[in-house]
Amino acid sequence: MSAALHVLRHEFPRLSKPACRSNPVLKQRKSSGSAIFSHHGSAEFLAAATTIKAIPALDGLPEVVVTGRANVGKSTFLNAVLGRKNLVHTSKKAGHTRALNFFAAGGIPSKLVVVDAPGYGARGRPEWGDLFTTYVQTREQLRRVYMLFNAKHGLSDADTAMLAHLHELCLNTHGTRFTLQSIITKADALPGDQVATMIPQMRQQIFEHAPTCLSPIITSCSMQPMFGIDAARSNILQACGLS
């Protein structure tokens, strides 16, 4: 067992406390999320939109959107959650995602939609940010925005700016349409002796810039078995009212 894995397994309950005691969705445990997302053929690509007018209606199915700085591991995370190895194209080149990509999930008929948003930061483009912001502000079926952070890199200025921006958008909807959830990726990249300090530090920074953001779910797609993915799946189901 690696040092990081050892610390994560023993520290996870303390480092990733749920938003409230009655909310079980952030606990590291098996749940119905695995069955729904891992069912063969349950996830498929639906559409890509580079403009607001191109966004599909999709019969009003509940949606969640995933965003993060370029190369945060967003595509790998989405593939893990959706239970498909290559459904979301991964690339070492930052800025590969250039549209809002819509994926159906939850079996046939589909139960929900997961949206992959373009990355932000130095490799991002203003038009991508405008598309994302307008989508978040106007999409009635949006239930939760998932914001990803690389455990090894911590929070950048672009991250804190986006957090503050999403916090304001969340407040402007009076918290009734969508909520904001943080995800820490690549936790295994942290040396074992840094896990217990770095993650609480990131959690505090997240809260400082976005008090409405739910406490982070810690993940690693490199560990076997993958760490935190079932918790993320359960969280999505809860956000969409399916748990």
Protein backbone atom coordinates (compact mmCIF):
# COMPACT_ATOMS: atom_id res chain seq x y z
CA MET A 1 0.00 0.00 0.00
CA SER A 2 1.43 3.41 -0.99
CA ALA A 3 1.91 6.03 1.69
CA ALA A 4 -0.70 8.29 0.08
CA LEU A 5 -3.26 5.47 -0.14
CA HIS A 6 -2.62 4.47 3.47
CA VAL A 7 -3.19 8.02 4.71
CA LEU A 8 -6.22 8.60 2.48
CA ARG A 9 -7.96 5.45 3.64
CA HIS A 10 -7.45 6.34 7.26
CA GLU A 11 -7.95 10.11 7.04
CA PHE A 12 -10.80 10.28 4.49
CA PRO A 13 -13.69 10.43 6.99
CA ARG A 14 -12.02 13.32 8.78
CA LEU A 15 -10.81 15.17 5.70
CA SER A 16 -14.06 14.90 3.72
CA LYS A 17 -16.82 15.53 6.20
CA PRO A 18 -20.28 15.71 4.63
CA ALA A 19 -22.04 19.05 4.38
CA CYS A 20 -24.41 17.88 7.14
CA ARG A 21 -24.59 14.85 9.40
CA SER A 22 -27.68 13.46 7.70
CA ASN A 23 -26.10 13.63 4.21
CA PRO A 24 -24.38 10.29 3.45
CA VAL A 25 -23.34 11.09 -0.11
CA LEU A 26 -19.76 12.10 0.67
CA LYS A 27 -18.93 8.91 2.55
CA GLN A 28 -16.51 6.45 0.94
CA ARG A 29 -18.81 3.46 0.51
CA LYS A 30 -20.50 1.35 -2.14
CA SER A 31 -23.92 2.58 -3.20
CA SER A 32 -26.53 2.50 -5.92
CA GLY A 33 -24.38 4.99 -7.80
CA SER A 34 -22.07 2.21 -8.95
CA ALA A 35 -24.92 0.17 -10.41
CA ILE A 36 -26.47 3.10 -12.25
CA PHE A 37 -23.30 4.55 -13.73
CA SER A 38 -21.50 1.27 -14.43
CA HIS A 39 -24.37 -0.43 -16.26
CA HIS A 40 -23.19 -1.43 -19.73
CA GLY A 41 -24.26 1.13 -22.29
CA SER A 42 -25.77 3.43 -19.66
CA ALA A 43 -23.64 6.43 -20.69
CA GLU A 44 -23.45 7.91 -24.16
CA PHE A 45 -22.50 11.13 -25.91
CA LEU A 46 -25.51 13.27 -26.80
CA ALA A 47 -24.38 16.60 -28.19
CA ALA A 48 -21.74 19.33 -28.23
CA ALA A 49 -22.56 23.02 -28.07
CA THR A 50 -20.21 25.89 -28.86
CA THR A 51 -22.99 28.50 -28.59
CA ILE A 52 -25.97 28.94 -26.30
CA LYS A 53 -28.35 28.46 -29.22
CA ALA A 54 -26.79 25.05 -29.90
CA ILE A 55 -27.49 23.69 -26.40
CA PRO A 56 -30.01 20.82 -26.73
CA ALA A 57 -33.26 20.80 -24.76
CA LEU A 58 -32.91 17.12 -23.72
CA ASP A 59 -36.46 16.91 -22.36
CA GLY A 60 -35.54 18.77 -19.19
CA LEU A 61 -33.54 15.91 -17.66
CA PRO A 62 -31.63 17.00 -14.52
CA GLU A 63 -28.09 18.08 -15.32
CA VAL A 64 -24.78 18.51 -13.56
CA VAL A 65 -21.79 20.25 -15.11
CA VAL A 66 -18.11 19.58 -14.41
CA THR A 67 -15.49 22.30 -14.75
CA GLY A 68 -11.88 22.83 -13.75
CA ARG A 69 -8.56 24.27 -14.76
CA ALA A 70 -7.00 22.75 -17.87
CA ASN A 71 -5.23 19.44 -17.12
CA VAL A 72 -6.91 19.01 -13.74
CA GLY A 73 -7.89 15.47 -14.75
CA LYS A 74 -11.46 16.34 -15.74
CA SER A 75 -11.79 13.89 -18.63
CA THR A 76 -10.30 11.02 -16.62
CA PHE A 77 -12.64 11.83 -13.73
CA LEU A 78 -15.69 11.93 -16.04
CA ASN A 79 -14.80 8.60 -17.66
CA ALA A 80 -14.47 7.04 -14.22
CA VAL A 81 -17.81 8.42 -13.02
CA LEU A 82 -19.63 7.45 -16.22
CA GLY A 83 -18.13 3.95 -16.20
CA ARG A 84 -16.73 4.19 -19.74
CA LYS A 85 -12.98 4.12 -20.40
CA ASN A 86 -12.89 6.32 -23.50
CA LEU A 87 -16.26 8.06 -23.65
CA VAL A 88 -14.71 11.43 -22.79
CA HIS A 89 -11.55 12.00 -24.81
CA THR A 90 -8.46 12.57 -22.67
CA SER A 91 -5.50 14.60 -23.84
CA LYS A 92 -2.18 15.73 -22.40
CA LYS A 93 -2.64 18.98 -24.29
CA ALA A 94 -4.40 21.63 -22.21
CA GLY A 95 -7.55 23.18 -23.63
CA HIS A 96 -8.73 20.11 -25.53
CA THR A 97 -12.39 20.56 -24.53
CA ARG A 98 -13.75 23.50 -26.52
CA ALA A 99 -17.49 23.04 -26.15
CA LEU A 100 -20.15 22.04 -23.66
CA ASN A 101 -20.34 18.27 -24.18
CA PHE A 102 -23.50 16.51 -23.02
CA PHE A 103 -23.53 12.86 -21.90
CA ALA A 104 -26.55 10.79 -20.97
CA ALA A 105 -26.25 8.59 -17.89
CA GLY A 106 -28.32 6.33 -15.69
CA GLY A 107 -29.50 3.58 -18.02
CA ILE A 108 -32.19 3.43 -20.69
CA PRO A 109 -34.15 5.65 -20.67
CA SER A 110 -31.56 8.14 -19.39
CA LYS A 111 -32.01 9.46 -15.87
CA LEU A 112 -29.67 12.46 -15.96
CA VAL A 113 -27.16 14.39 -18.04
CA VAL A 114 -23.52 15.07 -17.20
CA VAL A 115 -21.97 18.07 -18.95
CA ASP A 116 -18.25 18.47 -19.63
CA ALA A 117 -17.28 22.17 -19.73
CA PRO A 118 -14.17 23.70 -21.34
CA GLY A 119 -11.24 24.18 -18.99
CA TYR A 120 -10.35 27.64 -17.74
CA GLY A 121 -7.06 29.29 -16.85
CA ALA A 122 -4.10 30.30 -19.00
CA ARG A 123 -5.15 27.99 -21.86
CA GLY A 124 -8.80 28.96 -21.72
CA ARG A 125 -10.51 31.37 -24.09
CA PRO A 126 -12.93 34.22 -23.28
CA GLU A 127 -15.67 32.75 -25.49
CA TRP A 128 -15.52 29.47 -23.53
CA GLY A 129 -15.99 31.38 -20.29
CA ASP A 130 -18.91 33.34 -21.72
CA LEU A 131 -20.57 30.12 -22.90
CA PHE A 132 -20.13 28.46 -19.51
CA THR A 133 -21.38 31.45 -17.53
CA THR A 134 -24.45 31.91 -19.69
CA TYR A 135 -25.21 28.18 -19.45
CA VAL A 136 -24.97 28.25 -15.64
CA GLN A 137 -27.11 31.38 -15.41
CA THR A 138 -29.88 30.22 -17.73
CA ARG A 139 -30.06 26.42 -17.68
CA GLU A 140 -33.19 25.64 -15.68
CA GLN A 141 -32.46 21.92 -15.27
CA LEU A 142 -28.94 22.48 -13.91
CA ARG A 143 -28.75 20.98 -10.43
CA ARG A 144 -25.09 21.15 -9.41
CA VAL A 145 -21.77 22.57 -10.62
CA TYR A 146 -18.75 20.37 -9.87
CA MET A 147 -15.43 22.21 -9.68
CA LEU A 148 -12.25 20.12 -9.80
CA PHE A 149 -8.91 20.89 -8.15
CA ASN A 150 -5.59 19.07 -8.55
CA ALA A 151 -4.38 17.92 -5.12
CA LYS A 152 -0.73 18.27 -6.07
CA HIS A 153 -1.04 21.80 -7.48
CA GLY A 154 -3.46 23.27 -4.96
CA LEU A 155 -5.56 26.30 -5.85
CA SER A 156 -4.37 28.77 -8.48
CA ASP A 157 -5.48 32.38 -8.93
CA ALA A 158 -7.72 31.16 -11.75
CA ASP A 159 -9.29 28.62 -9.38
CA THR A 160 -10.04 31.17 -6.67
CA ALA A 161 -11.45 33.61 -9.22
CA MET A 162 -13.74 30.92 -10.64
CA LEU A 163 -14.81 29.89 -7.15
CA ALA A 164 -15.78 33.45 -6.30
CA HIS A 165 -17.59 33.79 -9.63
CA LEU A 166 -19.61 30.59 -9.13
CA HIS A 167 -20.34 31.55 -5.53
CA GLU A 168 -21.92 34.78 -6.74
CA LEU A 169 -23.91 32.96 -9.42
CA CYS A 170 -25.15 30.52 -6.81
CA LEU A 171 -26.24 33.35 -4.53
CA ASN A 172 -27.99 35.08 -7.40
CA THR A 173 -30.19 32.01 -7.89
CA HIS A 174 -30.94 32.08 -4.14
CA GLY A 175 -29.55 28.55 -3.87
CA THR A 176 -32.76 27.11 -5.25
CA ARG A 177 -31.67 26.04 -8.73
CA PHE A 178 -28.13 24.73 -8.45
CA THR A 179 -25.48 24.11 -5.82
CA LEU A 180 -21.68 24.12 -5.97
CA GLN A 181 -19.57 21.04 -5.12
CA SER A 182 -15.77 20.80 -4.97
CA ILE A 183 -13.80 17.73 -6.06
CA ILE A 184 -10.11 17.17 -5.30
CA THR A 185 -8.49 14.99 -7.98
CA LYS A 186 -5.20 13.08 -8.16
CA ALA A 187 -4.96 12.71 -4.38
CA ASP A 188 -2.48 9.86 -4.83
CA ALA A 189 0.01 12.36 -6.31
CA LEU A 190 0.52 13.84 -2.85
CA PRO A 191 3.33 12.39 -0.72
CA GLY A 192 1.87 10.54 2.22
CA ASP A 193 3.17 13.05 4.73
CA GLN A 194 1.38 15.91 2.90
CA VAL A 195 -2.10 14.41 2.59
CA ALA A 196 -3.19 15.34 6.11
CA THR A 197 -2.06 18.95 5.69
CA MET A 198 -2.57 19.82 2.02
CA ILE A 199 -6.18 18.68 1.71
CA PRO A 200 -7.47 20.59 4.78
CA GLN A 201 -5.59 23.63 3.50
CA MET A 202 -7.32 23.36 0.13
CA ARG A 203 -10.67 22.86 1.80
CA GLN A 204 -10.17 26.05 3.83
CA GLN A 205 -9.20 28.02 0.72
CA ILE A 206 -12.27 26.76 -1.11
CA PHE A 207 -14.53 27.85 1.73
CA GLU A 208 -12.87 31.27 1.98
CA HIS A 209 -13.54 32.05 -1.67
CA ALA A 210 -16.90 30.27 -1.97
CA PRO A 211 -18.74 29.78 1.34
CA THR A 212 -21.65 28.17 -0.56
CA CYS A 213 -19.38 25.41 -1.93
CA LEU A 214 -19.90 21.96 -0.43
CA SER A 215 -16.95 20.27 1.30
CA PRO A 216 -14.65 18.52 -1.22
CA ILE A 217 -14.88 14.91 -2.25
CA ILE A 218 -11.36 13.49 -2.49
CA THR A 219 -10.64 11.27 -5.49
CA SER A 220 -7.96 9.34 -7.31
CA CYS A 221 -8.56 7.54 -10.60
CA SER A 222 -5.07 5.99 -10.52
CA MET A 223 -5.61 3.93 -7.37
CA GLN A 224 -6.93 0.40 -7.63
CA PRO A 225 -9.73 0.36 -6.77
CA MET A 226 -10.38 3.99 -7.68
CA PHE A 227 -10.80 6.26 -4.68
CA GLY A 228 -13.79 8.54 -4.13
CA ILE A 229 -15.54 7.82 -7.44
CA ASP A 230 -18.52 6.05 -5.90
CA ALA A 231 -18.91 8.97 -3.48
CA ALA A 232 -18.96 11.34 -6.46
CA ARG A 233 -21.56 9.20 -8.22
CA SER A 234 -23.79 9.15 -5.15
CA ASN A 235 -23.38 12.89 -4.83
CA ILE A 236 -24.56 13.39 -8.42
CA LEU A 237 -27.62 11.19 -7.84
CA GLN A 238 -28.46 13.16 -4.71
CA ALA A 239 -28.09 16.46 -6.56
CA CYS A 240 -30.44 15.23 -9.29
CA GLY A 241 -33.01 13.95 -6.80
CA LEU A 242 -32.43 10.31 -7.77
CA SER A 243 -31.16 8.87 -4.50
